[in-house]
Amino acid sequence: MIRILIADDHAIVRRGMKQLLLEQYPFAEIGEASNVEDLIRLIVNQKKWDVVVCDMNMPGRSGLDAIMQIKEIAPGLPVLIMSMYPEDQYALRVLKSGAAGYLAKETIHDDIVKAIETVIKGKRYITLSLAEKLAESVNNETKKALHEVLSDREFDVFKLLASGKTITEIAIQLSLSSTTVSTYRSRIMEKMKMKSNAELARYAIESRLI
């Protein structure tokens, strides 16, 4: 019996995925979490899952945060990250962070079963187009986009700043101090050679990151 853990803050998404997966795996055990904290709790308390399917963007901590913590407490547990954004926006970062694969929500109904079958065998689920991008990223290491020089935590803070969140709001959401968030903001501005949140927002919108 396969055991799948789904994490998404929208109940209707979890319900739809559960129905889809039960059609393929009628006897599967499927757990649900609405945020990263609940996801981690289920993994810690029930270390028996075969695969995690986690949304990239949830209130509070992000999917990138989830990957890092899951790798600490259950290194062998494959994590598939799903997102409303196309794979060319986030897939490379997600894979480099330790995910077993990336699923765009617009095609997830077609890809989810194949992805699960792939990762439970210990392999990574990588589409042909993503494989090409991985090859390009190796060949063009010196030609990174501005946001690609950010660490995962800096990237999370960058997205929140670009979406209009204040330092205090980000601190609360990520469980950090305001001073720490301000430090991240300074690093982001320096690395991306920008001077204001408005510039960050413009860049994020033009790059289809928010």
C-alpha atoms as a PDB file:
ATOM      1  CA  MET A   1       0.000   0.000   0.000  1.00  0.00           C
ATOM      2  CA  ILE A   2       1.369   3.375  -1.008  1.00  0.00           C
ATOM      3  CA  ARG A   3       1.274   6.227   1.516  1.00  0.00           C
ATOM      4  CA  ILE A   4       1.057   9.769   0.111  1.00  0.00           C
ATOM      5  CA  LEU A   5       1.080  13.028   2.062  1.00  0.00           C
ATOM      6  CA  ILE A   6      -0.449  16.092   0.376  1.00  0.00           C
ATOM      7  CA  ALA A   7       0.253  19.633   1.605  1.00  0.00           C
ATOM      8  CA  ASP A   8      -1.745  22.552   0.213  1.00  0.00           C
ATOM      9  CA  ASP A   9      -3.547  25.386   1.970  1.00  0.00           C
ATOM     10  CA  HIS A  10      -6.631  25.005  -0.249  1.00  0.00           C
ATOM     11  CA  ALA A  11      -8.981  22.209   0.833  1.00  0.00           C
ATOM     12  CA  ILE A  12     -10.496  21.952  -2.642  1.00  0.00           C
ATOM     13  CA  VAL A  13      -7.041  21.298  -4.151  1.00  0.00           C
ATOM     14  CA  ARG A  14      -6.299  18.591  -1.596  1.00  0.00           C
ATOM     15  CA  ARG A  15      -9.699  17.010  -2.195  1.00  0.00           C
ATOM     16  CA  GLY A  16      -9.235  17.012  -5.964  1.00  0.00           C
ATOM     17  CA  MET A  17      -5.771  15.498  -5.749  1.00  0.00           C
ATOM     18  CA  LYS A  18      -6.954  12.866  -3.304  1.00  0.00           C
ATOM     19  CA  GLN A  19      -9.750  11.792  -5.645  1.00  0.00           C
ATOM     20  CA  LEU A  20      -7.341  11.687  -8.559  1.00  0.00           C
ATOM     21  CA  LEU A  21      -4.810   9.579  -6.669  1.00  0.00           C
ATOM     22  CA  LEU A  22      -7.414   7.169  -5.302  1.00  0.00           C
ATOM     23  CA  GLU A  23      -8.483   6.404  -8.873  1.00  0.00           C
ATOM     24  CA  GLN A  24      -4.957   5.166  -9.537  1.00  0.00           C
ATOM     25  CA  TYR A  25      -4.217   3.820  -6.050  1.00  0.00           C
ATOM     26  CA  PRO A  26      -7.572   2.631  -4.586  1.00  0.00           C
ATOM     27  CA  PHE A  27      -5.997   1.336  -1.395  1.00  0.00           C
ATOM     28  CA  ALA A  28      -3.594   4.220  -0.828  1.00  0.00           C
ATOM     29  CA  GLU A  29      -3.305   5.948   2.522  1.00  0.00           C
ATOM     30  CA  ILE A  30      -3.451   9.669   1.818  1.00  0.00           C
ATOM     31  CA  GLY A  31      -2.687  12.250   4.495  1.00  0.00           C
ATOM     32  CA  GLU A  32      -3.424  15.961   4.294  1.00  0.00           C
ATOM     33  CA  ALA A  33      -1.759  19.093   5.666  1.00  0.00           C
ATOM     34  CA  SER A  34      -2.788  22.716   5.166  1.00  0.00           C
ATOM     35  CA  ASN A  35       0.558  24.285   6.065  1.00  0.00           C
ATOM     36  CA  VAL A  36       4.230  23.433   6.525  1.00  0.00           C
ATOM     37  CA  GLU A  37       3.934  23.094  10.307  1.00  0.00           C
ATOM     38  CA  ASP A  38       1.210  20.428  10.004  1.00  0.00           C
ATOM     39  CA  LEU A  39       3.170  18.717   7.238  1.00  0.00           C
ATOM     40  CA  ILE A  40       6.300  18.426   9.377  1.00  0.00           C
ATOM     41  CA  ARG A  41       4.255  17.258  12.354  1.00  0.00           C
ATOM     42  CA  LEU A  42       2.725  14.433  10.323  1.00  0.00           C
ATOM     43  CA  ILE A  43       6.146  13.355   9.095  1.00  0.00           C
ATOM     44  CA  VAL A  44       7.671  13.420  12.572  1.00  0.00           C
ATOM     45  CA  ASN A  45       4.773  11.630  14.255  1.00  0.00           C
ATOM     46  CA  GLN A  46       4.144   9.131  11.470  1.00  0.00           C
ATOM     47  CA  LYS A  47       7.449   8.311   9.764  1.00  0.00           C
ATOM     48  CA  LYS A  48       5.922   6.010   7.200  1.00  0.00           C
ATOM     49  CA  TRP A  49       5.145   8.106   4.138  1.00  0.00           C
ATOM     50  CA  ASP A  50       6.329   7.036   0.682  1.00  0.00           C
ATOM     51  CA  VAL A  51       6.094  10.458  -0.977  1.00  0.00           C
ATOM     52  CA  VAL A  52       5.158  14.044  -0.140  1.00  0.00           C
ATOM     53  CA  VAL A  53       3.395  16.343  -2.620  1.00  0.00           C
ATOM     54  CA  CYS A  54       3.764  19.897  -1.347  1.00  0.00           C
ATOM     55  CA  ASP A  55       2.591  23.259  -2.663  1.00  0.00           C
ATOM     56  CA  MET A  56       5.344  25.799  -3.258  1.00  0.00           C
ATOM     57  CA  ASN A  57       3.439  28.767  -1.840  1.00  0.00           C
ATOM     58  CA  MET A  58       1.474  28.411   1.371  1.00  0.00           C
ATOM     59  CA  PRO A  59       0.769  30.922   4.138  1.00  0.00           C
ATOM     60  CA  GLY A  60       3.669  30.991   6.571  1.00  0.00           C
ATOM     61  CA  ARG A  61       6.693  28.932   5.608  1.00  0.00           C
ATOM     62  CA  SER A  62       7.251  28.023   1.973  1.00  0.00           C
ATOM     63  CA  GLY A  63       7.757  24.775   0.134  1.00  0.00           C
ATOM     64  CA  LEU A  64      11.493  25.504   0.047  1.00  0.00           C
ATOM     65  CA  ASP A  65      11.452  25.613   3.840  1.00  0.00           C
ATOM     66  CA  ALA A  66       9.577  22.319   3.873  1.00  0.00           C
ATOM     67  CA  ILE A  67      12.173  20.633   1.668  1.00  0.00           C
ATOM     68  CA  MET A  68      15.046  21.682   3.914  1.00  0.00           C
ATOM     69  CA  GLN A  69      13.377  20.460   7.096  1.00  0.00           C
ATOM     70  CA  ILE A  70      12.121  17.212   5.582  1.00  0.00           C
ATOM     71  CA  LYS A  71      15.647  16.429   4.392  1.00  0.00           C
ATOM     72  CA  GLU A  72      16.821  16.809   7.987  1.00  0.00           C
ATOM     73  CA  ILE A  73      14.216  14.572   9.617  1.00  0.00           C
ATOM     74  CA  ALA A  74      13.534  12.075   6.803  1.00  0.00           C
ATOM     75  CA  PRO A  75      16.398  12.227   4.269  1.00  0.00           C
ATOM     76  CA  GLY A  76      15.057   9.400   2.135  1.00  0.00           C
ATOM     77  CA  LEU A  77      11.525  10.745   1.778  1.00  0.00           C
ATOM     78  CA  PRO A  78      10.953  12.080  -1.771  1.00  0.00           C
ATOM     79  CA  VAL A  79       9.256  15.471  -2.032  1.00  0.00           C
ATOM     80  CA  LEU A  80       7.388  16.620  -5.121  1.00  0.00           C
ATOM     81  CA  ILE A  81       6.807  20.369  -5.217  1.00  0.00           C
ATOM     82  CA  MET A  82       3.777  21.693  -7.073  1.00  0.00           C
ATOM     83  CA  SER A  83       3.144  25.303  -8.064  1.00  0.00           C
ATOM     84  CA  MET A  84       0.823  27.487 -10.095  1.00  0.00           C
ATOM     85  CA  TYR A  85       3.910  28.891 -11.815  1.00  0.00           C
ATOM     86  CA  PRO A  86       5.471  27.249 -14.910  1.00  0.00           C
ATOM     87  CA  GLU A  87       8.537  25.107 -14.300  1.00  0.00           C
ATOM     88  CA  ASP A  88      10.885  27.622 -15.911  1.00  0.00           C
ATOM     89  CA  GLN A  89      10.282  29.973 -12.952  1.00  0.00           C
ATOM     90  CA  TYR A  90      10.992  27.754  -9.953  1.00  0.00           C
ATOM     91  CA  ALA A  91      11.887  24.201 -10.964  1.00  0.00           C
ATOM     92  CA  LEU A  92      15.663  24.604 -11.020  1.00  0.00           C
ATOM     93  CA  ARG A  93      15.745  26.165  -7.554  1.00  0.00           C
ATOM     94  CA  VAL A  94      13.386  23.506  -6.198  1.00  0.00           C
ATOM     95  CA  LEU A  95      15.507  20.650  -7.546  1.00  0.00           C
ATOM     96  CA  LYS A  96      18.742  22.211  -6.299  1.00  0.00           C
ATOM     97  CA  SER A  97      17.121  22.483  -2.862  1.00  0.00           C
ATOM     98  CA  GLY A  98      16.626  18.722  -2.763  1.00  0.00           C
ATOM     99  CA  ALA A  99      13.146  18.107  -4.183  1.00  0.00           C
ATOM    100  CA  ALA A 100      12.543  14.939  -6.174  1.00  0.00           C
ATOM    101  CA  GLY A 101      10.536  16.760  -8.824  1.00  0.00           C
ATOM    102  CA  TYR A 102       8.489  19.809  -9.794  1.00  0.00           C
ATOM    103  CA  LEU A 103       4.875  19.800 -10.984  1.00  0.00           C
ATOM    104  CA  ALA A 104       3.096  22.739 -12.584  1.00  0.00           C
ATOM    105  CA  LYS A 105      -0.502  22.777 -11.325  1.00  0.00           C
ATOM    106  CA  GLU A 106      -1.878  23.410 -14.802  1.00  0.00           C
ATOM    107  CA  THR A 107      -0.616  19.986 -15.946  1.00  0.00           C
ATOM    108  CA  ILE A 108      -0.573  18.135 -12.627  1.00  0.00           C
ATOM    109  CA  HIS A 109      -3.499  15.862 -13.543  1.00  0.00           C
ATOM    110  CA  ASP A 110      -1.449  14.507 -16.435  1.00  0.00           C
ATOM    111  CA  ASP A 111       1.859  14.286 -14.584  1.00  0.00           C
ATOM    112  CA  ILE A 112       1.195  13.383 -10.951  1.00  0.00           C
ATOM    113  CA  VAL A 113       0.965   9.593 -11.266  1.00  0.00           C
ATOM    114  CA  LYS A 114       4.050   9.331 -13.483  1.00  0.00           C
ATOM    115  CA  ALA A 115       5.932  11.611 -11.094  1.00  0.00           C
ATOM    116  CA  ILE A 116       5.008   9.512  -8.048  1.00  0.00           C
ATOM    117  CA  GLU A 117       5.901   6.261  -9.799  1.00  0.00           C
ATOM    118  CA  THR A 118       9.277   7.773 -10.686  1.00  0.00           C
ATOM    119  CA  VAL A 119      10.268   9.186  -7.301  1.00  0.00           C
ATOM    120  CA  ILE A 120       9.241   6.180  -5.188  1.00  0.00           C
ATOM    121  CA  LYS A 121      11.802   4.224  -7.229  1.00  0.00           C
ATOM    122  CA  GLY A 122      14.455   6.603  -5.958  1.00  0.00           C
ATOM    123  CA  LYS A 123      14.704   8.627  -9.147  1.00  0.00           C
ATOM    124  CA  ARG A 124      14.040  12.290  -9.831  1.00  0.00           C
ATOM    125  CA  TYR A 125      11.066  13.318 -11.919  1.00  0.00           C
ATOM    126  CA  ILE A 126      12.419  15.661 -14.580  1.00  0.00           C
ATOM    127  CA  THR A 127      10.567  16.611 -17.759  1.00  0.00           C
ATOM    128  CA  LEU A 128      12.429  16.856 -21.060  1.00  0.00           C
ATOM    129  CA  SER A 129      12.141  20.642 -21.069  1.00  0.00           C
ATOM    130  CA  LEU A 130      13.483  20.824 -17.515  1.00  0.00           C
ATOM    131  CA  ALA A 131      16.369  18.515 -18.398  1.00  0.00           C
ATOM    132  CA  GLU A 132      17.296  20.968 -21.137  1.00  0.00           C
ATOM    133  CA  LYS A 133      17.163  23.855 -18.673  1.00  0.00           C
ATOM    134  CA  LEU A 134      19.379  21.945 -16.227  1.00  0.00           C
ATOM    135  CA  ALA A 135      21.920  21.445 -18.987  1.00  0.00           C
ATOM    136  CA  GLU A 136      21.728  25.118 -19.908  1.00  0.00           C
ATOM    137  CA  SER A 137      22.199  26.149 -16.275  1.00  0.00           C
ATOM    138  CA  VAL A 138      25.448  24.154 -16.143  1.00  0.00           C
ATOM    139  CA  ASN A 139      26.729  25.627 -19.393  1.00  0.00           C
ATOM    140  CA  ASN A 140      25.687  29.177 -18.471  1.00  0.00           C
ATOM    141  CA  GLU A 141      26.629  29.271 -14.799  1.00  0.00           C
ATOM    142  CA  THR A 142      28.035  32.777 -15.241  1.00  0.00           C
ATOM    143  CA  LYS A 143      24.821  34.082 -16.827  1.00  0.00           C
ATOM    144  CA  LYS A 144      22.440  33.627 -13.908  1.00  0.00           C
ATOM    145  CA  ALA A 145      19.307  35.740 -13.610  1.00  0.00           C
ATOM    146  CA  LEU A 146      19.482  38.237 -10.748  1.00  0.00           C
ATOM    147  CA  HIS A 147      17.174  36.268  -8.440  1.00  0.00           C
ATOM    148  CA  GLU A 148      19.129  33.042  -8.961  1.00  0.00           C
ATOM    149  CA  VAL A 149      22.047  34.360  -6.885  1.00  0.00           C
ATOM    150  CA  LEU A 150      19.811  34.485  -3.797  1.00  0.00           C
ATOM    151  CA  SER A 151      19.803  31.773  -1.156  1.00  0.00           C
ATOM    152  CA  ASP A 152      16.505  29.949  -0.589  1.00  0.00           C
ATOM    153  CA  ARG A 153      15.702  32.069   2.478  1.00  0.00           C
ATOM    154  CA  GLU A 154      16.648  35.280   0.666  1.00  0.00           C
ATOM    155  CA  PHE A 155      14.451  34.174  -2.225  1.00  0.00           C
ATOM    156  CA  ASP A 156      11.475  33.699   0.112  1.00  0.00           C
ATOM    157  CA  VAL A 157      12.012  37.159   1.619  1.00  0.00           C
ATOM    158  CA  PHE A 158      12.459  38.653  -1.851  1.00  0.00           C
ATOM    159  CA  LYS A 159       9.098  37.280  -3.039  1.00  0.00           C
ATOM    160  CA  LEU A 160       7.315  38.616   0.042  1.00  0.00           C
ATOM    161  CA  LEU A 161       8.909  42.052  -0.303  1.00  0.00           C
ATOM    162  CA  ALA A 162       8.005  42.114  -3.978  1.00  0.00           C
ATOM    163  CA  SER A 163       4.395  41.219  -3.162  1.00  0.00           C
ATOM    164  CA  GLY A 164       4.109  44.249  -0.871  1.00  0.00           C
ATOM    165  CA  LYS A 165       4.666  42.715   2.565  1.00  0.00           C
ATOM    166  CA  THR A 166       6.291  44.877   5.244  1.00  0.00           C
ATOM    167  CA  ILE A 167       9.344  43.848   7.265  1.00  0.00           C
ATOM    168  CA  THR A 168       7.125  43.183  10.279  1.00  0.00           C
ATOM    169  CA  GLU A 169       4.631  41.097   8.289  1.00  0.00           C
ATOM    170  CA  ILE A 170       7.436  39.024   6.797  1.00  0.00           C
ATOM    171  CA  ALA A 171       9.001  38.502  10.219  1.00  0.00           C
ATOM    172  CA  ILE A 172       5.714  37.169  11.579  1.00  0.00           C
ATOM    173  CA  GLN A 173       5.062  34.962   8.565  1.00  0.00           C
ATOM    174  CA  LEU A 174       8.524  33.393   8.548  1.00  0.00           C
ATOM    175  CA  SER A 175       8.949  33.311  12.347  1.00  0.00           C
ATOM    176  CA  LEU A 176      11.994  35.570  12.204  1.00  0.00           C
ATOM    177  CA  SER A 177      12.935  38.780  13.978  1.00  0.00           C
ATOM    178  CA  SER A 178      12.420  42.074  12.159  1.00  0.00           C
ATOM    179  CA  THR A 179      16.165  42.694  12.434  1.00  0.00           C
ATOM    180  CA  THR A 180      16.896  39.414  10.649  1.00  0.00           C
ATOM    181  CA  VAL A 181      14.430  40.214   7.867  1.00  0.00           C
ATOM    182  CA  SER A 182      16.001  43.659   7.468  1.00  0.00           C
ATOM    183  CA  THR A 183      19.399  41.994   7.132  1.00  0.00           C
ATOM    184  CA  TYR A 184      18.025  39.680   4.443  1.00  0.00           C
ATOM    185  CA  ARG A 185      16.537  42.678   2.643  1.00  0.00           C
ATOM    186  CA  SER A 186      19.905  44.428   2.631  1.00  0.00           C
ATOM    187  CA  ARG A 187      21.588  41.334   1.208  1.00  0.00           C
ATOM    188  CA  ILE A 188      18.909  40.999  -1.456  1.00  0.00           C
ATOM    189  CA  MET A 189      19.270  44.630  -2.514  1.00  0.00           C
ATOM    190  CA  GLU A 190      23.038  44.277  -2.684  1.00  0.00           C
ATOM    191  CA  LYS A 191      23.022  41.011  -4.632  1.00  0.00           C
ATOM    192  CA  MET A 192      20.343  42.172  -7.080  1.00  0.00           C
ATOM    193  CA  LYS A 193      21.789  45.691  -7.323  1.00  0.00           C
ATOM    194  CA  MET A 194      18.462  47.318  -6.484  1.00  0.00           C
ATOM    195  CA  LYS A 195      17.534  50.173  -4.168  1.00  0.00           C
ATOM    196  CA  SER A 196      13.829  49.858  -3.389  1.00  0.00           C
ATOM    197  CA  ASN A 197      10.979  47.415  -2.897  1.00  0.00           C
ATOM    198  CA  ALA A 198       9.333  48.936  -5.972  1.00  0.00           C
ATOM    199  CA  GLU A 199      12.280  47.795  -8.086  1.00  0.00           C
ATOM    200  CA  LEU A 200      12.004  44.319  -6.587  1.00  0.00           C
ATOM    201  CA  ALA A 201       8.284  44.229  -7.363  1.00  0.00           C
ATOM    202  CA  ARG A 202       8.834  45.348 -10.949  1.00  0.00           C
ATOM    203  CA  TYR A 203      11.512  42.712 -11.468  1.00  0.00           C
ATOM    204  CA  ALA A 204       9.378  39.957  -9.914  1.00  0.00           C
ATOM    205  CA  ILE A 205       6.384  40.825 -12.085  1.00  0.00           C
ATOM    206  CA  GLU A 206       8.433  41.049 -15.278  1.00  0.00           C
ATOM    207  CA  SER A 207      10.095  37.717 -14.443  1.00  0.00           C
ATOM    208  CA  ARG A 208       6.699  36.132 -13.615  1.00  0.00           C
ATOM    209  CA  LEU A 209       7.823  35.234 -10.108  1.00  0.00           C
ATOM    210  CA  ILE A 210       4.689  36.595  -8.414  1.00  0.00           C
END
